Amino acid sequence: MELIAMALVIALILFGSLLFFPRLSKKVVGATTSSNTKLSTEGVKTYTKGEVSMHNTRDDCWIIVKGKVYDVTPYVFEHPGGDAILNNAGGDSTEGFYGPQHATRVFDMVDEFYIGDLKS
């Protein structure tokens, strides 16, 4: 019981610190595109699975969650689960993202890393 209480306190401290410290970098969806990236009619970038798969390292980490693409590179070193965020780097992280280890705040946090949609 004490171990559970201690784990909850540590988790609250970690997640609380995220509220008070601003992100190092905030992605903004822009109008420029690479040669393989297309802008949809709404101005949202779309990426192929192949394009996302090239961003699979600690220093360049993109993930896919429910068909949306996120550049989580600035968050990799802050991730409370350590390198677990790299398990699906460059690929679909939907299952892990919705796992029981994540607090509900993660669903709001991820929006700031959104860079586009997965091309269907």
PDB file of N, CA and C in Angstrom:
ATOM      1  N   MET A   1       0.823  -1.192   0.000  1.00  0.00           N
ATOM      2  CA  MET A   1       0.000   0.000   0.000  1.00  0.00           C
ATOM      3  C   MET A   1       0.867   1.256   0.000  1.00  0.00           C
ATOM      4  N   GLU A   2       1.944   1.222   0.796  1.00  0.00           N
ATOM      5  CA  GLU A   2       2.846   2.375   0.842  1.00  0.00           C
ATOM      6  C   GLU A   2       3.532   2.570  -0.503  1.00  0.00           C
ATOM      7  N   LEU A   3       3.858   1.476  -1.154  1.00  0.00           N
ATOM      8  CA  LEU A   3       4.516   1.547  -2.460  1.00  0.00           C
ATOM      9  C   LEU A   3       3.595   2.196  -3.494  1.00  0.00           C
ATOM     10  N   ILE A   4       2.331   1.856  -3.467  1.00  0.00           N
ATOM     11  CA  ILE A   4       1.357   2.450  -4.383  1.00  0.00           C
ATOM     12  C   ILE A   4       1.217   3.935  -4.106  1.00  0.00           C
ATOM     13  N   ALA A   5       1.134   4.308  -2.839  1.00  0.00           N
ATOM     14  CA  ALA A   5       1.019   5.723  -2.475  1.00  0.00           C
ATOM     15  C   ALA A   5       2.253   6.494  -2.925  1.00  0.00           C
ATOM     16  N   MET A   6       3.436   5.909  -2.748  1.00  0.00           N
ATOM     17  CA  MET A   6       4.672   6.569  -3.158  1.00  0.00           C
ATOM     18  C   MET A   6       4.712   6.724  -4.678  1.00  0.00           C
ATOM     19  N   ALA A   7       4.282   5.713  -5.405  1.00  0.00           N
ATOM     20  CA  ALA A   7       4.256   5.783  -6.866  1.00  0.00           C
ATOM     21  C   ALA A   7       3.299   6.870  -7.334  1.00  0.00           C
ATOM     22  N   LEU A   8       2.161   6.989  -6.675  1.00  0.00           N
ATOM     23  CA  LEU A   8       1.200   8.037  -7.035  1.00  0.00           C
ATOM     24  C   LEU A   8       1.770   9.424  -6.783  1.00  0.00           C
ATOM     25  N   VAL A   9       2.470   9.607  -5.681  1.00  0.00           N
ATOM     26  CA  VAL A   9       3.085  10.897  -5.370  1.00  0.00           C
ATOM     27  C   VAL A   9       4.124  11.248  -6.424  1.00  0.00           C
ATOM     28  N   ILE A  10       4.954  10.285  -6.798  1.00  0.00           N
ATOM     29  CA  ILE A  10       5.977  10.534  -7.823  1.00  0.00           C
ATOM     30  C   ILE A  10       5.320  10.875  -9.152  1.00  0.00           C
ATOM     31  N   ALA A  11       4.279  10.146  -9.517  1.00  0.00           N
ATOM     32  CA  ALA A  11       3.580  10.428 -10.773  1.00  0.00           C
ATOM     33  C   ALA A  11       2.973  11.826 -10.750  1.00  0.00           C
ATOM     34  N   LEU A  12       2.381  12.219  -9.629  1.00  0.00           N
ATOM     35  CA  LEU A  12       1.804  13.562  -9.525  1.00  0.00           C
ATOM     36  C   LEU A  12       2.872  14.638  -9.646  1.00  0.00           C
ATOM     37  N   ILE A  13       4.023  14.414  -9.048  1.00  0.00           N
ATOM     38  CA  ILE A  13       5.117  15.382  -9.144  1.00  0.00           C
ATOM     39  C   ILE A  13       5.584  15.508 -10.586  1.00  0.00           C
ATOM     40  N   LEU A  14       5.762  14.377 -11.269  1.00  0.00           N
ATOM     41  CA  LEU A  14       6.213  14.406 -12.663  1.00  0.00           C
ATOM     42  C   LEU A  14       5.204  15.108 -13.562  1.00  0.00           C
ATOM     43  N   PHE A  15       3.946  14.736 -13.449  1.00  0.00           N
ATOM     44  CA  PHE A  15       2.935  15.349 -14.299  1.00  0.00           C
ATOM     45  C   PHE A  15       2.691  16.804 -13.907  1.00  0.00           C
ATOM     46  N   GLY A  16       2.796  17.118 -12.629  1.00  0.00           N
ATOM     47  CA  GLY A  16       2.645  18.496 -12.176  1.00  0.00           C
ATOM     48  C   GLY A  16       3.736  19.385 -12.725  1.00  0.00           C
ATOM     49  N   SER A  17       4.959  18.856 -12.806  1.00  0.00           N
ATOM     50  CA  SER A  17       6.062  19.653 -13.340  1.00  0.00           C
ATOM     51  C   SER A  17       5.841  19.986 -14.811  1.00  0.00           C
ATOM     52  N   LEU A  18       5.140  19.123 -15.523  1.00  0.00           N
ATOM     53  CA  LEU A  18       4.846  19.398 -16.932  1.00  0.00           C
ATOM     54  C   LEU A  18       3.929  20.602 -17.085  1.00  0.00           C
ATOM     55  N   LEU A  19       3.125  20.860 -16.079  1.00  0.00           N
ATOM     56  CA  LEU A  19       2.218  22.009 -16.127  1.00  0.00           C
ATOM     57  C   LEU A  19       2.961  23.331 -15.982  1.00  0.00           C
ATOM     58  N   PHE A  20       4.068  23.309 -15.233  1.00  0.00           N
ATOM     59  CA  PHE A  20       4.756  24.545 -14.903  1.00  0.00           C
ATOM     60  C   PHE A  20       5.945  24.863 -15.785  1.00  0.00           C
ATOM     61  N   PHE A  21       6.457  23.878 -16.512  1.00  0.00           N
ATOM     62  CA  PHE A  21       7.596  24.119 -17.370  1.00  0.00           C
ATOM     63  C   PHE A  21       7.148  24.126 -18.825  1.00  0.00           C
ATOM     64  N   PRO A  22       7.406  25.207 -19.542  1.00  0.00           N
ATOM     65  CA  PRO A  22       6.984  25.273 -20.949  1.00  0.00           C
ATOM     66  C   PRO A  22       7.799  24.316 -21.809  1.00  0.00           C
ATOM     67  N   ARG A  23       7.248  23.961 -22.927  1.00  0.00           N
ATOM     68  CA  ARG A  23       7.916  23.085 -23.882  1.00  0.00           C
ATOM     69  C   ARG A  23       9.100  23.797 -24.505  1.00  0.00           C
ATOM     70  N   LEU A  24      10.104  23.020 -24.875  1.00  0.00           N
ATOM     71  CA  LEU A  24      11.270  23.584 -25.533  1.00  0.00           C
ATOM     72  C   LEU A  24      10.938  24.071 -26.933  1.00  0.00           C
ATOM     73  N   SER A  25      10.005  23.406 -27.551  1.00  0.00           N
ATOM     74  CA  SER A  25       9.672  23.732 -28.932  1.00  0.00           C
ATOM     75  C   SER A  25       8.222  23.384 -29.160  1.00  0.00           C
ATOM     76  N   LYS A  26       7.529  24.232 -29.860  1.00  0.00           N
ATOM     77  CA  LYS A  26       6.140  23.966 -30.160  1.00  0.00           C
ATOM     78  C   LYS A  26       5.991  23.906 -31.670  1.00  0.00           C
ATOM     79  N   LYS A  27       5.424  22.835 -32.160  1.00  0.00           N
ATOM     80  CA  LYS A  27       5.251  22.672 -33.590  1.00  0.00           C
ATOM     81  C   LYS A  27       4.032  23.436 -34.062  1.00  0.00           C
ATOM     82  N   VAL A  28       4.181  24.098 -35.179  1.00  0.00           N
ATOM     83  CA  VAL A  28       3.068  24.790 -35.800  1.00  0.00           C
ATOM     84  C   VAL A  28       2.922  24.225 -37.194  1.00  0.00           C
ATOM     85  N   VAL A  29       1.723  23.852 -37.560  1.00  0.00           N
ATOM     86  CA  VAL A  29       1.493  23.319 -38.893  1.00  0.00           C
ATOM     87  C   VAL A  29       1.626  24.467 -39.873  1.00  0.00           C
ATOM     88  N   GLY A  30       2.605  24.372 -40.750  1.00  0.00           N
ATOM     89  CA  GLY A  30       2.867  25.455 -41.695  1.00  0.00           C
ATOM     90  C   GLY A  30       2.355  25.128 -43.079  1.00  0.00           C
ATOM     91  N   ALA A  31       2.624  26.051 -44.002  1.00  0.00           N
ATOM     92  CA  ALA A  31       2.124  25.899 -45.354  1.00  0.00           C
ATOM     93  C   ALA A  31       3.160  25.274 -46.280  1.00  0.00           C
ATOM     94  N   THR A  32       4.420  25.158 -45.832  1.00  0.00           N
ATOM     95  CA  THR A  32       5.427  24.603 -46.709  1.00  0.00           C
ATOM     96  C   THR A  32       5.380  23.092 -46.658  1.00  0.00           C
ATOM     97  N   THR A  33       5.780  22.464 -47.754  1.00  0.00           N
ATOM     98  CA  THR A  33       5.757  21.013 -47.811  1.00  0.00           C
ATOM     99  C   THR A  33       7.043  20.498 -48.423  1.00  0.00           C
ATOM    100  N   SER A  34       7.378  19.264 -48.111  1.00  0.00           N
ATOM    101  CA  SER A  34       8.486  18.605 -48.791  1.00  0.00           C
ATOM    102  C   SER A  34       7.943  18.075 -50.118  1.00  0.00           C
ATOM    103  N   SER A  35       8.805  17.517 -50.936  1.00  0.00           N
ATOM    104  CA  SER A  35       8.351  17.063 -52.247  1.00  0.00           C
ATOM    105  C   SER A  35       7.327  15.935 -52.161  1.00  0.00           C
ATOM    106  N   ASN A  36       7.367  15.111 -51.096  1.00  0.00           N
ATOM    107  CA  ASN A  36       6.438  13.993 -50.976  1.00  0.00           C
ATOM    108  C   ASN A  36       5.232  14.295 -50.099  1.00  0.00           C
ATOM    109  N   THR A  37       5.200  15.459 -49.483  1.00  0.00           N
ATOM    110  CA  THR A  37       4.135  15.796 -48.554  1.00  0.00           C
ATOM    111  C   THR A  37       3.110  16.664 -49.259  1.00  0.00           C
ATOM    112  N   LYS A  38       1.865  16.303 -49.113  1.00  0.00           N
ATOM    113  CA  LYS A  38       0.783  17.037 -49.773  1.00  0.00           C
ATOM    114  C   LYS A  38      -0.045  17.789 -48.747  1.00  0.00           C
ATOM    115  N   LEU A  39      -0.535  18.960 -49.134  1.00  0.00           N
ATOM    116  CA  LEU A  39      -1.459  19.688 -48.283  1.00  0.00           C
ATOM    117  C   LEU A  39      -2.868  19.271 -48.653  1.00  0.00           C
ATOM    118  N   SER A  40      -3.672  18.960 -47.652  1.00  0.00           N
ATOM    119  CA  SER A  40      -5.062  18.625 -47.933  1.00  0.00           C
ATOM    120  C   SER A  40      -5.829  19.906 -48.185  1.00  0.00           C
ATOM    121  N   THR A  41      -7.088  19.775 -48.521  1.00  0.00           N
ATOM    122  CA  THR A  41      -7.890  20.956 -48.817  1.00  0.00           C
ATOM    123  C   THR A  41      -8.048  21.859 -47.602  1.00  0.00           C
ATOM    124  N   GLU A  42      -7.921  21.318 -46.380  1.00  0.00           N
ATOM    125  CA  GLU A  42      -8.035  22.133 -45.181  1.00  0.00           C
ATOM    126  C   GLU A  42      -6.703  22.757 -44.791  1.00  0.00           C
ATOM    127  N   GLY A  43      -5.630  22.481 -45.517  1.00  0.00           N
ATOM    128  CA  GLY A  43      -4.324  23.030 -45.193  1.00  0.00           C
ATOM    129  C   GLY A  43      -3.551  22.197 -44.193  1.00  0.00           C
ATOM    130  N   VAL A  44      -4.017  20.990 -43.892  1.00  0.00           N
ATOM    131  CA  VAL A  44      -3.320  20.105 -42.967  1.00  0.00           C
ATOM    132  C   VAL A  44      -2.378  19.222 -43.777  1.00  0.00           C
ATOM    133  N   LYS A  45      -1.154  19.093 -43.326  1.00  0.00           N
ATOM    134  CA  LYS A  45      -0.195  18.232 -44.011  1.00  0.00           C
ATOM    135  C   LYS A  45      -0.603  16.774 -43.863  1.00  0.00           C
ATOM    136  N   THR A  46      -0.282  15.992 -44.864  1.00  0.00           N
ATOM    137  CA  THR A  46      -0.466  14.548 -44.776  1.00  0.00           C
ATOM    138  C   THR A  46       0.877  13.883 -45.027  1.00  0.00           C
ATOM    139  N   TYR A  47       1.099  12.774 -44.339  1.00  0.00           N
ATOM    140  CA  TYR A  47       2.350  12.044 -44.436  1.00  0.00           C
ATOM    141  C   TYR A  47       2.059  10.579 -44.718  1.00  0.00           C
ATOM    142  N   THR A  48       2.928   9.946 -45.480  1.00  0.00           N
ATOM    143  CA  THR A  48       2.810   8.510 -45.717  1.00  0.00           C
ATOM    144  C   THR A  48       3.460   7.762 -44.553  1.00  0.00           C
ATOM    145  N   LYS A  49       3.144   6.471 -44.429  1.00  0.00           N
ATOM    146  CA  LYS A  49       3.790   5.664 -43.396  1.00  0.00           C
ATOM    147  C   LYS A  49       5.298   5.624 -43.621  1.00  0.00           C
ATOM    148  N   GLY A  50       5.696   5.623 -44.879  1.00  0.00           N
ATOM    149  CA  GLY A  50       7.122   5.618 -45.202  1.00  0.00           C
ATOM    150  C   GLY A  50       7.827   6.873 -44.715  1.00  0.00           C
ATOM    151  N   GLU A  51       7.186   8.025 -44.878  1.00  0.00           N
ATOM    152  CA  GLU A  51       7.780   9.279 -44.396  1.00  0.00           C
ATOM    153  C   GLU A  51       7.900   9.268 -42.877  1.00  0.00           C
ATOM    154  N   VAL A  52       6.854   8.808 -42.208  1.00  0.00           N
ATOM    155  CA  VAL A  52       6.873   8.767 -40.742  1.00  0.00           C
ATOM    156  C   VAL A  52       7.946   7.795 -40.265  1.00  0.00           C
ATOM    157  N   SER A  53       8.103   6.667 -40.949  1.00  0.00           N
ATOM    158  CA  SER A  53       9.041   5.628 -40.509  1.00  0.00           C
ATOM    159  C   SER A  53      10.492   6.104 -40.492  1.00  0.00           C
ATOM    160  N   MET A  54      10.804   7.156 -41.224  1.00  0.00           N
ATOM    161  CA  MET A  54      12.180   7.678 -41.246  1.00  0.00           C
ATOM    162  C   MET A  54      12.518   8.460 -39.981  1.00  0.00           C
ATOM    163  N   HIS A  55      11.535   8.759 -39.169  1.00  0.00           N
ATOM    164  CA  HIS A  55      11.732   9.555 -37.947  1.00  0.00           C
ATOM    165  C   HIS A  55      11.596   8.627 -36.739  1.00  0.00           C
ATOM    166  N   ASN A  56      12.622   7.797 -36.528  1.00  0.00           N
ATOM    167  CA  ASN A  56      12.497   6.713 -35.557  1.00  0.00           C
ATOM    168  C   ASN A  56      13.627   6.669 -34.530  1.00  0.00           C
ATOM    169  N   THR A  57      14.195   7.828 -34.222  1.00  0.00           N
ATOM    170  CA  THR A  57      15.299   7.873 -33.258  1.00  0.00           C
ATOM    171  C   THR A  57      14.978   8.832 -32.115  1.00  0.00           C
ATOM    172  N   ARG A  58      15.808   8.780 -31.091  1.00  0.00           N
ATOM    173  CA  ARG A  58      15.660   9.668 -29.938  1.00  0.00           C
ATOM    174  C   ARG A  58      15.739  11.145 -30.353  1.00  0.00           C
ATOM    175  N   ASP A  59      16.548  11.440 -31.360  1.00  0.00           N
ATOM    176  CA  ASP A  59      16.734  12.826 -31.796  1.00  0.00           C
ATOM    177  C   ASP A  59      15.771  13.253 -32.903  1.00  0.00           C
ATOM    178  N   ASP A  60      14.956  12.350 -33.368  1.00  0.00           N
ATOM    179  CA  ASP A  60      13.991  12.637 -34.433  1.00  0.00           C
ATOM    180  C   ASP A  60      12.880  11.588 -34.334  1.00  0.00           C
ATOM    181  N   CYS A  61      11.889  11.871 -33.508  1.00  0.00           N
ATOM    182  CA  CYS A  61      10.891  10.862 -33.155  1.00  0.00           C
ATOM    183  C   CYS A  61       9.479  11.320 -33.519  1.00  0.00           C
ATOM    184  N   TRP A  62       8.901  10.649 -34.500  1.00  0.00           N
ATOM    185  CA  TRP A  62       7.511  10.878 -34.877  1.00  0.00           C
ATOM    186  C   TRP A  62       6.723   9.623 -34.527  1.00  0.00           C
ATOM    187  N   ILE A  63       5.471   9.828 -34.160  1.00  0.00           N
ATOM    188  CA  ILE A  63       4.586   8.697 -33.895  1.00  0.00           C
ATOM    189  C   ILE A  63       3.232   8.942 -34.569  1.00  0.00           C
ATOM    190  N   ILE A  64       2.494   7.861 -34.747  1.00  0.00           N
ATOM    191  CA  ILE A  64       1.143   7.925 -35.293  1.00  0.00           C
ATOM    192  C   ILE A  64       0.193   7.473 -34.187  1.00  0.00           C
ATOM    193  N   VAL A  65      -0.845   8.262 -33.941  1.00  0.00           N
ATOM    194  CA  VAL A  65      -1.881   7.894 -32.983  1.00  0.00           C
ATOM    195  C   VAL A  65      -3.226   8.158 -33.644  1.00  0.00           C
ATOM    196  N   LYS A  66      -3.974   7.092 -33.863  1.00  0.00           N
ATOM    197  CA  LYS A  66      -5.295   7.175 -34.503  1.00  0.00           C
ATOM    198  C   LYS A  66      -5.266   7.999 -35.795  1.00  0.00           C
ATOM    199  N   GLY A  67      -4.298   7.711 -36.658  1.00  0.00           N
ATOM    200  CA  GLY A  67      -4.232   8.340 -37.966  1.00  0.00           C
ATOM    201  C   GLY A  67      -3.708   9.765 -37.974  1.00  0.00           C
ATOM    202  N   LYS A  68      -3.224  10.249 -36.845  1.00  0.00           N
ATOM    203  CA  LYS A  68      -2.632  11.580 -36.776  1.00  0.00           C
ATOM    204  C   LYS A  68      -1.143  11.429 -36.498  1.00  0.00           C
ATOM    205  N   VAL A  69      -0.350  12.343 -37.060  1.00  0.00           N
ATOM    206  CA  VAL A  69       1.105  12.271 -36.948  1.00  0.00           C
ATOM    207  C   VAL A  69       1.582  13.331 -35.955  1.00  0.00           C
ATOM    208  N   TYR A  70       2.466  12.919 -35.050  1.00  0.00           N
ATOM    209  CA  TYR A  70       2.998  13.803 -34.017  1.00  0.00           C
ATOM    210  C   TYR A  70       4.518  13.739 -34.019  1.00  0.00           C
ATOM    211  N   ASP A  71       5.151  14.909 -33.967  1.00  0.00           N
ATOM    212  CA  ASP A  71       6.600  14.985 -33.800  1.00  0.00           C
ATOM    213  C   ASP A  71       6.850  15.180 -32.308  1.00  0.00           C
ATOM    214  N   VAL A  72       7.159  14.096 -31.616  1.00  0.00           N
ATOM    215  CA  VAL A  72       7.333  14.137 -30.167  1.00  0.00           C
ATOM    216  C   VAL A  72       8.804  14.257 -29.764  1.00  0.00           C
ATOM    217  N   THR A  73       9.659  14.610 -30.708  1.00  0.00           N
ATOM    218  CA  THR A  73      11.087  14.722 -30.430  1.00  0.00           C
ATOM    219  C   THR A  73      11.385  15.567 -29.191  1.00  0.00           C
ATOM    220  N   PRO A  74      10.765  16.758 -29.042  1.00  0.00           N
ATOM    221  CA  PRO A  74      11.089  17.567 -27.861  1.00  0.00           C
ATOM    222  C   PRO A  74      10.656  16.917 -26.545  1.00  0.00           C
ATOM    223  N   TYR A  75       9.766  15.941 -26.608  1.00  0.00           N
ATOM    224  CA  TYR A  75       9.228  15.314 -25.405  1.00  0.00           C
ATOM    225  C   TYR A  75       9.955  14.031 -25.011  1.00  0.00           C
ATOM    226  N   VAL A  76      10.753  13.475 -25.909  1.00  0.00           N
ATOM    227  CA  VAL A  76      11.390  12.178 -25.663  1.00  0.00           C
ATOM    228  C   VAL A  76      12.154  12.171 -24.342  1.00  0.00           C
ATOM    229  N   PHE A  77      12.939  13.199 -24.070  1.00  0.00           N
ATOM    230  CA  PHE A  77      13.760  13.221 -22.854  1.00  0.00           C
ATOM    231  C   PHE A  77      12.932  13.508 -21.602  1.00  0.00           C
ATOM    232  N   GLU A  78      11.723  14.038 -21.760  1.00  0.00           N
ATOM    233  CA  GLU A  78      10.850  14.335 -20.631  1.00  0.00           C
ATOM    234  C   GLU A  78       9.904  13.178 -20.313  1.00  0.00           C
ATOM    235  N   HIS A  79       9.790  12.221 -21.208  1.00  0.00           N
ATOM    236  CA  HIS A  79       8.815  11.148 -21.072  1.00  0.00           C
ATOM    237  C   HIS A  79       9.011  10.389 -19.765  1.00  0.00           C
ATOM    238  N   PRO A  80       7.997  10.388 -18.896  1.00  0.00           N
ATOM    239  CA  PRO A  80       8.130   9.708 -17.600  1.00  0.00           C
ATOM    240  C   PRO A  80       8.406   8.214 -17.720  1.00  0.00           C
ATOM    241  N   GLY A  81       8.028   7.618 -18.829  1.00  0.00           N
ATOM    242  CA  GLY A  81       8.268   6.192 -19.043  1.00  0.00           C
ATOM    243  C   GLY A  81       9.603   5.905 -19.690  1.00  0.00           C
ATOM    244  N   GLY A  82      10.474   6.902 -19.732  1.00  0.00           N
ATOM    245  CA  GLY A  82      11.803   6.720 -20.318  1.00  0.00           C
ATOM    246  C   GLY A  82      11.736   6.382 -21.800  1.00  0.00           C
ATOM    247  N   ASP A  83      12.521   5.403 -22.195  1.00  0.00           N
ATOM    248  CA  ASP A  83      12.620   5.038 -23.608  1.00  0.00           C
ATOM    249  C   ASP A  83      11.412   4.290 -24.144  1.00  0.00           C
ATOM    250  N   ALA A  84      10.408   4.039 -23.324  1.00  0.00           N
ATOM    251  CA  ALA A  84       9.205   3.354 -23.807  1.00  0.00           C
ATOM    252  C   ALA A  84       8.567   4.121 -24.949  1.00  0.00           C
ATOM    253  N   ILE A  85       8.738   5.421 -24.976  1.00  0.00           N
ATOM    254  CA  ILE A  85       8.178   6.237 -26.058  1.00  0.00           C
ATOM    255  C   ILE A  85       8.817   5.871 -27.398  1.00  0.00           C
ATOM    256  N   LEU A  86      10.004   5.285 -27.365  1.00  0.00           N
ATOM    257  CA  LEU A  86      10.708   4.922 -28.596  1.00  0.00           C
ATOM    258  C   LEU A  86      10.303   3.550 -29.132  1.00  0.00           C
ATOM    259  N   ASN A  87       9.498   2.797 -28.374  1.00  0.00           N
ATOM    260  CA  ASN A  87       9.109   1.451 -28.808  1.00  0.00           C
ATOM    261  C   ASN A  87       8.454   1.451 -30.185  1.00  0.00           C
ATOM    262  N   ASN A  88       7.667   2.471 -30.486  1.00  0.00           N
ATOM    263  CA  ASN A  88       6.993   2.547 -31.783  1.00  0.00           C
ATOM    264  C   ASN A  88       7.376   3.810 -32.539  1.00  0.00           C
ATOM    265  N   ALA A  89       8.556   4.332 -32.266  1.00  0.00           N
ATOM    266  CA  ALA A  89       9.022   5.533 -32.969  1.00  0.00           C
ATOM    267  C   ALA A  89       9.014   5.271 -34.466  1.00  0.00           C
ATOM    268  N   GLY A  90       8.454   6.199 -35.205  1.00  0.00           N
ATOM    269  CA  GLY A  90       8.364   6.048 -36.650  1.00  0.00           C
ATOM    270  C   GLY A  90       7.204   5.173 -37.086  1.00  0.00           C
ATOM    271  N   GLY A  91       6.359   4.797 -36.155  1.00  0.00           N
ATOM    272  CA  GLY A  91       5.245   3.914 -36.484  1.00  0.00           C
ATOM    273  C   GLY A  91       4.001   4.234 -35.680  1.00  0.00           C
ATOM    274  N   ASP A  92       3.094   3.279 -35.674  1.00  0.00           N
ATOM    275  CA  ASP A  92       1.806   3.478 -35.007  1.00  0.00           C
ATOM    276  C   ASP A  92       1.932   3.191 -33.510  1.00  0.00           C
ATOM    277  N   SER A  93       1.673   4.211 -32.701  1.00  0.00           N
ATOM    278  CA  SER A  93       1.765   4.111 -31.241  1.00  0.00           C
ATOM    279  C   SER A  93       0.398   4.122 -30.572  1.00  0.00           C
ATOM    280  N   THR A  94      -0.661   3.932 -31.348  1.00  0.00           N
ATOM    281  CA  THR A  94      -2.015   4.058 -30.810  1.00  0.00           C
ATOM    282  C   THR A  94      -2.241   3.143 -29.614  1.00  0.00           C
ATOM    283  N   GLU A  95      -1.874   1.877 -29.739  1.00  0.00           N
ATOM    284  CA  GLU A  95      -2.132   0.920 -28.661  1.00  0.00           C
ATOM    285  C   GLU A  95      -1.411   1.319 -27.377  1.00  0.00           C
ATOM    286  N   GLY A  96      -0.132   1.657 -27.484  1.00  0.00           N
ATOM    287  CA  GLY A  96       0.629   2.057 -26.302  1.00  0.00           C
ATOM    288  C   GLY A  96       0.157   3.379 -25.730  1.00  0.00           C
ATOM    289  N   PHE A  97      -0.236   4.289 -26.606  1.00  0.00           N
ATOM    290  CA  PHE A  97      -0.688   5.609 -26.163  1.00  0.00           C
ATOM    291  C   PHE A  97      -1.941   5.498 -25.301  1.00  0.00           C
ATOM    292  N   TYR A  98      -2.833   4.605 -25.668  1.00  0.00           N
ATOM    293  CA  TYR A  98      -4.073   4.431 -24.916  1.00  0.00           C
ATOM    294  C   TYR A  98      -3.956   3.371 -23.818  1.00  0.00           C
ATOM    295  N   GLY A  99      -2.723   3.007 -23.460  1.00  0.00           N
ATOM    296  CA  GLY A  99      -2.512   2.026 -22.403  1.00  0.00           C
ATOM    297  C   GLY A  99      -2.827   2.584 -21.027  1.00  0.00           C
ATOM    298  N   PRO A 100      -2.938   1.716 -20.049  1.00  0.00           N
ATOM    299  CA  PRO A 100      -3.329   2.117 -18.692  1.00  0.00           C
ATOM    300  C   PRO A 100      -2.273   2.962 -17.976  1.00  0.00           C
ATOM    301  N   GLN A 101      -1.054   3.012 -18.494  1.00  0.00           N
ATOM    302  CA  GLN A 101       0.007   3.758 -17.836  1.00  0.00           C
ATOM    303  C   GLN A 101      -0.123   5.273 -18.013  1.00  0.00           C
ATOM    304  N   HIS A 102      -0.947   5.705 -18.941  1.00  0.00           N
ATOM    305  CA  HIS A 102      -1.062   7.137 -19.213  1.00  0.00           C
ATOM    306  C   HIS A 102      -2.223   7.778 -18.461  1.00  0.00           C
ATOM    307  N   ALA A 103      -1.926   8.910 -17.854  1.00  0.00           N
ATOM    308  CA  ALA A 103      -2.973   9.706 -17.212  1.00  0.00           C
ATOM    309  C   ALA A 103      -3.764  10.432 -18.294  1.00  0.00           C
ATOM    310  N   THR A 104      -4.937  10.919 -17.967  1.00  0.00           N
ATOM    311  CA  THR A 104      -5.776  11.580 -18.965  1.00  0.00           C
ATOM    312  C   THR A 104      -5.136  12.854 -19.512  1.00  0.00           C
ATOM    313  N   ARG A 105      -4.222  13.460 -18.790  1.00  0.00           N
ATOM    314  CA  ARG A 105      -3.561  14.683 -19.261  1.00  0.00           C
ATOM    315  C   ARG A 105      -2.803  14.456 -20.569  1.00  0.00           C
ATOM    316  N   VAL A 106      -2.326  13.245 -20.785  1.00  0.00           N
ATOM    317  CA  VAL A 106      -1.561  12.945 -21.989  1.00  0.00           C
ATOM    318  C   VAL A 106      -2.393  13.205 -23.254  1.00  0.00           C
ATOM    319  N   PHE A 107      -3.697  13.048 -23.156  1.00  0.00           N
ATOM    320  CA  PHE A 107      -4.549  13.260 -24.318  1.00  0.00           C
ATOM    321  C   PHE A 107      -4.606  14.734 -24.719  1.00  0.00           C
ATOM    322  N   ASP A 108      -4.448  15.634 -23.759  1.00  0.00           N
ATOM    323  CA  ASP A 108      -4.381  17.062 -24.062  1.00  0.00           C
ATOM    324  C   ASP A 108      -2.975  17.479 -24.472  1.00  0.00           C
ATOM    325  N   MET A 109      -1.976  16.885 -23.836  1.00  0.00           N
ATOM    326  CA  MET A 109      -0.581  17.239 -24.113  1.00  0.00           C
ATOM    327  C   MET A 109      -0.174  16.931 -25.543  1.00  0.00           C
ATOM    328  N   VAL A 110      -0.634  15.835 -26.074  1.00  0.00           N
ATOM    329  CA  VAL A 110      -0.173  15.382 -27.380  1.00  0.00           C
ATOM    330  C   VAL A 110      -0.542  16.365 -28.492  1.00  0.00           C
ATOM    331  N   ASP A 111      -1.595  17.130 -28.301  1.00  0.00           N
ATOM    332  CA  ASP A 111      -2.032  18.066 -29.334  1.00  0.00           C
ATOM    333  C   ASP A 111      -0.959  19.075 -29.720  1.00  0.00           C
ATOM    334  N   GLU A 112      -0.113  19.460 -28.789  1.00  0.00           N
ATOM    335  CA  GLU A 112       0.903  20.451 -29.114  1.00  0.00           C
ATOM    336  C   GLU A 112       2.012  19.899 -30.009  1.00  0.00           C
ATOM    337  N   PHE A 113       2.049  18.584 -30.199  1.00  0.00           N
ATOM    338  CA  PHE A 113       3.052  17.965 -31.053  1.00  0.00           C
ATOM    339  C   PHE A 113       2.490  17.541 -32.413  1.00  0.00           C
ATOM    340  N   TYR A 114       1.227  17.812 -32.644  1.00  0.00           N
ATOM    341  CA  TYR A 114       0.548  17.416 -33.891  1.00  0.00           C
ATOM    342  C   TYR A 114       1.163  18.149 -35.083  1.00  0.00           C
ATOM    343  N   ILE A 115       1.500  17.401 -36.127  1.00  0.00           N
ATOM    344  CA  ILE A 115       2.054  18.026 -37.333  1.00  0.00           C
ATOM    345  C   ILE A 115       1.256  17.687 -38.585  1.00  0.00           C
ATOM    346  N   GLY A 116       0.341  16.752 -38.517  1.00  0.00           N
ATOM    347  CA  GLY A 116      -0.453  16.422 -39.698  1.00  0.00           C
ATOM    348  C   GLY A 116      -1.174  15.087 -39.551  1.00  0.00           C
ATOM    349  N   ASP A 117      -1.755  14.664 -40.657  1.00  0.00           N
ATOM    350  CA  ASP A 117      -2.512  13.416 -40.691  1.00  0.00           C
ATOM    351  C   ASP A 117      -1.780  12.357 -41.502  1.00  0.00           C
ATOM    352  N   LEU A 118      -2.064  11.109 -41.194  1.00  0.00           N
ATOM    353  CA  LEU A 118      -1.518  10.001 -41.959  1.00  0.00           C
ATOM    354  C   LEU A 118      -2.294   9.907 -43.260  1.00  0.00           C
ATOM    355  N   LYS A 119      -1.563   9.817 -44.354  1.00  0.00           N
ATOM    356  CA  LYS A 119      -2.193   9.703 -45.668  1.00  0.00           C
ATOM    357  C   LYS A 119      -2.865   8.341 -45.779  1.00  0.00           C
ATOM    358  N   SER A 120      -4.153   8.346 -46.164  1.00  0.00           N
ATOM    359  CA  SER A 120      -4.870   7.074 -46.244  1.00  0.00           C
ATOM    360  C   SER A 120      -4.590   6.326 -47.522  1.00  0.00           C
TER     361      SER A 120
END
